[in-house]
Amino acid sequence: MMNRLAIVVPCYKEEAVLEETTFRLTEVLDELISENAVSANSFILYVNDGSTDHTWPLISKLHNANKYVKGVNLAGNVGHQKALWAGLSVAKDCADIIVSIDADLQDDVNAIKAMVQKYHDGCDIVYGVRNERKTDTWFKRTTALGFYKVMNLMGTKTIYNHADYRLMSKRAVEYLLQFKERNLFIRGLVPLVGYKTDCVYYNRAERFAGESKYPLSKMLNFAVDGITSFSVKPIRMIFSLGIFFMLIALCVLVWIFYSYLKGQVVPGWSSLMLSVWFCSGCVLTGLGVVGEYIGKIYIESKERPFYNIEDILI
């Protein structure tokens, strides 16, 4: 019996691109089915993340016109990661292979065929990895490189140039969904699943239509969530910095006594103010990092549901 493939596509205000996305994904499914790589009842699962435009009506229209299209409508906007989580939760009950991809067509949909082949070769997880970042601005390319380096420095397992374009087997998704944290950073959780993994490399294109749903503010929040969700190293670094400052203060105290004995005490207003501002900045930074972790504990303790599914088109 052939495996059923589900292509999970989170959507937020994607009405400008959905028809083209459906056309291209339909072509991929037709090819895979004709090659007997997946079963004929494979499908595309759009997850509407509380869009305020015509995204959900368009998904409903595509569902009636295209045998592959299915949909999940969330009652409100919960963010890309939780919308993807909702799609995985629904898809794993009726599919053997689950591929997640964004709706904007920047990721090469043809890489799905190579992913499925690697699944048949025995891989439970196949990462879609960009060959390069020529389509990005210098700022985005530089900050992305810095983000991955910081994540690795903090001890988090991440795949460089991989976002949320991946294939997972049913058992891999079932294990992934056992993670209970509310601050989701899926690309950091997936490597913790284990099982055999591989990568498929592709060239990333420009967005087909519409606007990016990840401005600088969201990217920064995403980066902070990724770092603080997987590592306590920032707190340890603050502790080490505190010890370092105490040693400096001890050295300054010794120098003050020495200067006093020598009779060379000179009021140093500039150096005093510089020290006050520098140390105050370090204290506030430390409090901010600790506060970030306390805030996450507060959110986790509430155990609120990730999302509310209002409607399903299956």
Protein backbone atom coordinates (compact mmCIF):
# COMPACT_ATOMS: atom_id res chain seq x y z
CA MET A 1 0.00 0.00 0.00
CA MET A 2 1.39 3.39 -1.04
CA ASN A 3 1.94 6.18 1.46
CA ARG A 4 -0.44 9.11 1.64
CA LEU A 5 1.24 12.52 1.41
CA ALA A 6 -0.08 15.68 3.08
CA ILE A 7 1.40 19.06 2.14
CA VAL A 8 0.69 21.44 5.05
CA VAL A 9 0.63 25.13 4.08
CA PRO A 10 0.09 27.80 6.81
CA CYS A 11 -1.62 30.88 5.35
CA TYR A 12 -2.06 34.40 6.63
CA LYS A 13 -3.47 36.94 4.16
CA GLU A 14 -2.28 34.92 1.17
CA GLU A 15 -5.20 35.46 -1.22
CA ALA A 16 -2.86 36.95 -3.85
CA VAL A 17 -0.81 33.77 -4.18
CA LEU A 18 -3.08 30.85 -3.24
CA GLU A 19 -4.31 29.99 -6.73
CA GLU A 20 -0.78 29.81 -8.12
CA THR A 21 0.39 27.85 -5.07
CA THR A 22 -2.42 25.36 -5.61
CA PHE A 23 -1.57 25.04 -9.31
CA ARG A 24 2.10 24.29 -8.63
CA LEU A 25 1.47 21.89 -5.73
CA THR A 26 -1.17 20.09 -7.82
CA GLU A 27 1.43 19.54 -10.53
CA VAL A 28 3.81 18.06 -7.97
CA LEU A 29 1.15 15.72 -6.58
CA ASP A 30 0.13 14.62 -10.08
CA GLU A 31 3.74 13.72 -10.90
CA LEU A 32 4.31 11.85 -7.63
CA ILE A 33 1.06 9.90 -8.03
CA SER A 34 1.82 9.02 -11.67
CA GLU A 35 5.23 7.72 -10.56
CA ASN A 36 3.57 5.66 -7.79
CA ALA A 37 5.64 7.52 -5.21
CA VAL A 38 2.58 8.46 -3.11
CA SER A 39 -1.05 7.36 -3.03
CA ALA A 40 -3.78 8.94 -5.16
CA ASN A 41 -5.59 10.29 -2.09
CA SER A 42 -2.69 12.55 -1.11
CA PHE A 43 -3.70 16.15 -0.43
CA ILE A 44 -2.83 19.80 0.21
CA LEU A 45 -3.86 21.08 3.64
CA TYR A 46 -4.16 24.87 3.86
CA VAL A 47 -4.24 26.27 7.41
CA ASN A 48 -5.87 29.69 7.53
CA ASP A 49 -4.31 31.55 10.46
CA GLY A 50 -7.19 33.91 11.17
CA SER A 51 -6.72 35.92 7.97
CA THR A 52 -8.81 39.08 7.69
CA ASP A 53 -8.84 39.06 3.87
CA HIS A 54 -10.46 36.50 1.52
CA THR A 55 -7.97 33.72 2.20
CA TRP A 56 -10.50 31.32 3.77
CA PRO A 57 -13.27 31.86 1.18
CA LEU A 58 -10.64 31.24 -1.49
CA ILE A 59 -9.52 28.03 0.24
CA SER A 60 -13.17 26.91 0.33
CA LYS A 61 -13.51 27.68 -3.38
CA LEU A 62 -10.34 25.74 -4.21
CA HIS A 63 -11.56 22.84 -2.07
CA ASN A 64 -14.71 22.58 -4.23
CA ALA A 65 -12.76 22.85 -7.49
CA ASN A 66 -9.64 20.78 -6.74
CA LYS A 67 -9.75 17.21 -5.41
CA TYR A 68 -6.44 17.67 -3.58
CA VAL A 69 -7.30 20.80 -1.58
CA LYS A 70 -8.39 20.55 2.04
CA GLY A 71 -8.47 23.27 4.68
CA VAL A 72 -8.35 24.14 8.35
CA ASN A 73 -9.71 27.47 9.54
CA LEU A 74 -8.43 28.81 12.85
CA ALA A 75 -10.77 31.06 14.81
CA GLY A 76 -8.07 33.71 15.33
CA ASN A 77 -4.54 34.63 14.37
CA VAL A 78 -2.09 32.61 16.47
CA GLY A 79 1.12 33.02 14.46
CA HIS A 80 2.95 30.94 11.87
CA GLN A 81 4.43 28.37 14.25
CA LYS A 82 1.16 27.53 15.99
CA ALA A 83 -0.72 27.48 12.69
CA LEU A 84 1.83 25.00 11.37
CA TRP A 85 1.45 22.99 14.59
CA ALA A 86 -2.33 22.87 13.98
CA GLY A 87 -1.77 21.63 10.43
CA LEU A 88 0.61 18.90 11.57
CA SER A 89 -1.88 17.82 14.26
CA VAL A 90 -4.66 17.40 11.70
CA ALA A 91 -2.50 15.88 8.95
CA LYS A 92 -0.87 13.17 11.07
CA ASP A 93 -4.26 11.48 11.62
CA CYS A 94 -4.79 10.86 7.91
CA ALA A 95 -1.34 10.88 6.25
CA ASP A 96 1.86 8.83 6.32
CA ILE A 97 4.15 11.60 5.04
CA ILE A 98 3.79 15.27 5.95
CA VAL A 99 5.57 18.09 4.12
CA SER A 100 5.37 21.65 5.47
CA ILE A 101 5.93 24.61 3.17
CA ASP A 102 5.04 28.32 3.16
CA ALA A 103 2.41 29.62 0.75
CA ASP A 104 4.54 32.38 -0.81
CA LEU A 105 6.26 30.07 -3.38
CA GLN A 106 9.74 31.19 -2.38
CA ASP A 107 10.59 27.57 -1.57
CA ASP A 108 10.99 25.36 -4.65
CA VAL A 109 7.98 23.02 -4.65
CA ASN A 110 9.83 20.58 -6.92
CA ALA A 111 12.14 19.76 -4.00
CA ILE A 112 9.19 17.81 -2.55
CA LYS A 113 9.83 15.04 -5.08
CA ALA A 114 13.42 14.67 -3.89
CA MET A 115 12.22 14.69 -0.27
CA VAL A 116 9.76 11.87 -0.96
CA GLN A 117 12.51 9.86 -2.61
CA LYS A 118 14.71 10.23 0.47
CA TYR A 119 11.74 9.14 2.60
CA HIS A 120 11.51 5.95 0.54
CA ASP A 121 15.26 5.53 1.08
CA GLY A 122 14.60 5.31 4.83
CA CYS A 123 14.66 8.90 6.12
CA ASP A 124 12.03 10.03 8.63
CA ILE A 125 12.98 13.72 8.41
CA VAL A 126 14.20 15.54 5.30
CA TYR A 127 15.18 19.21 5.60
CA GLY A 128 14.73 21.65 2.74
CA VAL A 129 17.90 23.76 2.78
CA ARG A 130 18.65 26.85 0.71
CA ASN A 131 21.76 26.72 -1.48
CA GLU A 132 22.48 30.40 -0.93
CA ARG A 133 20.90 33.74 0.04
CA LYS A 134 21.42 35.84 -3.08
CA THR A 135 17.77 36.94 -3.09
CA ASP A 136 18.09 38.41 0.42
CA THR A 137 19.25 41.91 1.25
CA TRP A 138 22.69 42.34 2.80
CA PHE A 139 21.06 43.11 6.15
CA LYS A 140 18.83 40.03 6.17
CA ARG A 141 21.65 37.77 4.96
CA THR A 142 24.03 39.04 7.64
CA THR A 143 21.51 38.88 10.48
CA ALA A 144 20.41 35.37 9.44
CA LEU A 145 24.00 34.15 9.52
CA GLY A 146 24.47 35.75 12.93
CA PHE A 147 21.26 34.16 14.20
CA TYR A 148 22.34 30.64 13.27
CA LYS A 149 25.78 31.20 14.81
CA VAL A 150 24.25 32.45 18.06
CA MET A 151 21.85 29.49 18.16
CA ASN A 152 24.70 27.03 17.73
CA LEU A 153 26.75 28.91 20.35
CA MET A 154 23.84 28.55 22.77
CA GLY A 155 23.79 24.80 22.20
CA THR A 156 20.63 24.64 20.08
CA LYS A 157 20.63 22.19 17.18
CA THR A 158 19.65 24.03 14.01
CA ILE A 159 20.19 23.42 10.30
CA TYR A 160 21.81 26.42 8.63
CA ASN A 161 19.62 28.00 5.93
CA HIS A 162 16.67 25.78 6.85
CA ALA A 163 13.35 27.33 7.90
CA ASP A 164 10.12 25.31 8.02
CA TYR A 165 10.31 23.54 4.66
CA ARG A 166 10.69 19.87 5.53
CA LEU A 167 9.30 16.36 5.20
CA MET A 168 8.47 14.28 8.27
CA SER A 169 7.15 10.77 8.61
CA LYS A 170 3.97 10.09 10.56
CA ARG A 171 5.88 8.68 13.53
CA ALA A 172 8.25 11.69 13.57
CA VAL A 173 5.30 14.11 13.64
CA GLU A 174 3.57 12.10 16.37
CA TYR A 175 6.69 12.32 18.52
CA LEU A 176 7.15 16.04 17.76
CA LEU A 177 3.61 16.79 18.90
CA GLN A 178 4.42 15.35 22.33
CA PHE A 179 6.48 18.47 23.12
CA LYS A 180 4.35 20.67 25.35
CA GLU A 181 6.03 24.08 25.36
CA ARG A 182 3.90 27.09 24.40
CA ASN A 183 6.79 29.12 22.98
CA LEU A 184 7.10 27.14 19.78
CA PHE A 185 10.30 27.18 17.76
CA ILE A 186 9.67 24.17 15.52
CA ARG A 187 12.93 24.24 13.60
CA GLY A 188 14.72 23.81 16.93
CA LEU A 189 12.38 21.05 18.13
CA VAL A 190 12.55 18.83 15.03
CA PRO A 191 16.26 17.88 15.46
CA LEU A 192 15.37 16.63 18.97
CA VAL A 193 13.05 14.00 17.46
CA GLY A 194 15.92 11.84 16.30
CA TYR A 195 15.43 9.22 13.56
CA LYS A 196 17.32 9.20 10.28
CA THR A 197 17.57 12.61 8.59
CA ASP A 198 18.87 14.05 5.34
CA CYS A 199 18.77 17.33 3.40
CA VAL A 200 17.52 18.44 0.01
CA TYR A 201 19.08 21.62 -1.38
CA TYR A 202 17.24 24.14 -3.55
CA ASN A 203 17.38 27.73 -4.76
CA ARG A 204 14.98 30.14 -3.09
CA ALA A 205 13.00 32.48 -5.34
CA GLU A 206 11.44 35.89 -4.79
CA ARG A 207 7.95 35.99 -3.28
CA PHE A 208 5.42 35.33 -6.09
CA ALA A 209 2.87 37.88 -4.85
CA GLY A 210 1.69 39.67 -1.73
CA GLU A 211 3.81 41.03 1.10
CA SER A 212 6.17 39.37 3.56
CA LYS A 213 4.48 38.43 6.84
CA TYR A 214 7.82 38.61 8.70
CA PRO A 215 8.94 42.22 9.09
CA LEU A 216 12.01 43.09 11.16
CA SER A 217 10.05 43.24 14.45
CA LYS A 218 8.65 39.73 13.99
CA MET A 219 12.03 38.35 12.97
CA LEU A 220 13.60 39.80 16.11
CA ASN A 221 10.84 38.32 18.31
CA PHE A 222 11.27 34.99 16.55
CA ALA A 223 15.03 35.05 17.16
CA VAL A 224 14.57 35.87 20.86
CA ASP A 225 12.02 33.05 21.21
CA GLY A 226 14.39 30.63 19.52
CA ILE A 227 17.33 31.49 21.77
CA THR A 228 15.48 31.65 25.08
CA SER A 229 13.35 28.55 24.39
CA PHE A 230 16.32 26.24 24.05
CA SER A 231 19.15 27.52 26.19
CA VAL A 232 19.92 28.86 29.68
CA LYS A 233 23.34 30.05 28.56
CA PRO A 234 22.31 33.75 28.54
CA ILE A 235 21.59 33.53 32.28
CA ARG A 236 24.91 31.79 32.88
CA MET A 237 26.67 34.47 30.85
CA ILE A 238 25.08 37.16 33.04
CA PHE A 239 26.25 35.33 36.16
CA SER A 240 29.79 35.15 34.75
CA LEU A 241 29.62 38.83 33.83
CA GLY A 242 28.57 39.66 37.40
CA ILE A 243 31.56 37.75 38.81
CA PHE A 244 33.82 39.58 36.36
CA PHE A 245 32.50 42.98 37.50
CA MET A 246 33.01 42.02 41.14
CA LEU A 247 36.66 41.20 40.38
CA ILE A 248 37.05 44.56 38.65
CA ALA A 249 35.48 46.29 41.66
CA LEU A 250 37.93 44.48 43.96
CA CYS A 251 40.87 45.63 41.83
CA VAL A 252 39.53 49.20 41.88
CA LEU A 253 39.24 49.00 45.68
CA VAL A 254 42.88 47.91 45.95
CA TRP A 255 43.91 50.76 43.64
CA ILE A 256 41.93 53.28 45.77
CA PHE A 257 43.70 52.16 48.95
CA TYR A 258 47.04 52.33 47.19
CA SER A 259 46.30 55.85 45.88
CA TYR A 260 45.14 56.94 49.34
CA LEU A 261 48.36 55.75 50.96
CA LYS A 262 50.40 57.53 48.29
CA GLY A 263 48.37 60.69 48.68
CA GLN A 264 47.43 60.73 44.99
CA VAL A 265 43.65 60.78 45.37
CA VAL A 266 42.09 62.92 42.56
CA PRO A 267 38.32 63.28 42.16
CA GLY A 268 37.34 61.49 38.96
CA TRP A 269 33.91 62.62 37.99
CA SER A 270 34.14 61.37 34.36
CA SER A 271 35.33 57.91 35.24
CA LEU A 272 32.71 57.64 37.98
CA MET A 273 29.85 58.57 35.67
CA LEU A 274 31.16 56.22 32.96
CA SER A 275 31.29 53.37 35.45
CA VAL A 276 27.78 54.11 36.75
CA TRP A 277 26.26 54.18 33.27
CA PHE A 278 28.14 51.08 32.10
CA CYS A 279 27.29 49.01 35.15
CA SER A 280 23.68 50.22 35.15
CA GLY A 281 23.34 49.16 31.53
CA CYS A 282 24.72 45.72 32.34
CA VAL A 283 22.33 45.36 35.29
CA LEU A 284 19.31 46.36 33.20
CA THR A 285 20.38 44.00 30.40
CA GLY A 286 20.71 41.18 32.92
CA LEU A 287 17.31 41.93 34.39
CA GLY A 288 15.83 41.94 30.89
CA VAL A 289 17.22 38.49 30.07
CA VAL A 290 16.08 37.05 33.41
CA GLY A 291 12.70 38.69 32.87
CA GLU A 292 12.42 37.03 29.47
CA TYR A 293 12.81 33.61 31.07
CA ILE A 294 10.41 34.44 33.89
CA GLY A 295 7.88 35.59 31.30
CA LYS A 296 8.19 32.29 29.47
CA ILE A 297 7.66 30.38 32.71
CA TYR A 298 4.54 32.50 33.31
CA ILE A 299 3.18 31.72 29.85
CA GLU A 300 4.00 27.99 30.10
CA SER A 301 2.31 27.72 33.51
CA LYS A 302 -1.04 28.86 32.08
CA GLU A 303 -1.20 25.86 29.71
CA ARG A 304 -3.52 27.67 27.33
CA PRO A 305 -4.47 25.87 24.09
CA PHE A 306 -2.35 26.72 21.04
CA TYR A 307 -5.27 27.39 18.71
CA ASN A 308 -9.02 27.02 18.17
CA ILE A 309 -10.08 25.19 15.01
CA GLU A 310 -13.30 26.77 13.76
CA ASP A 311 -13.82 24.73 10.58
CA ILE A 312 -12.23 21.85 8.68
CA LEU A 313 -12.66 20.99 4.99
CA ILE A 314 -11.66 17.34 4.52
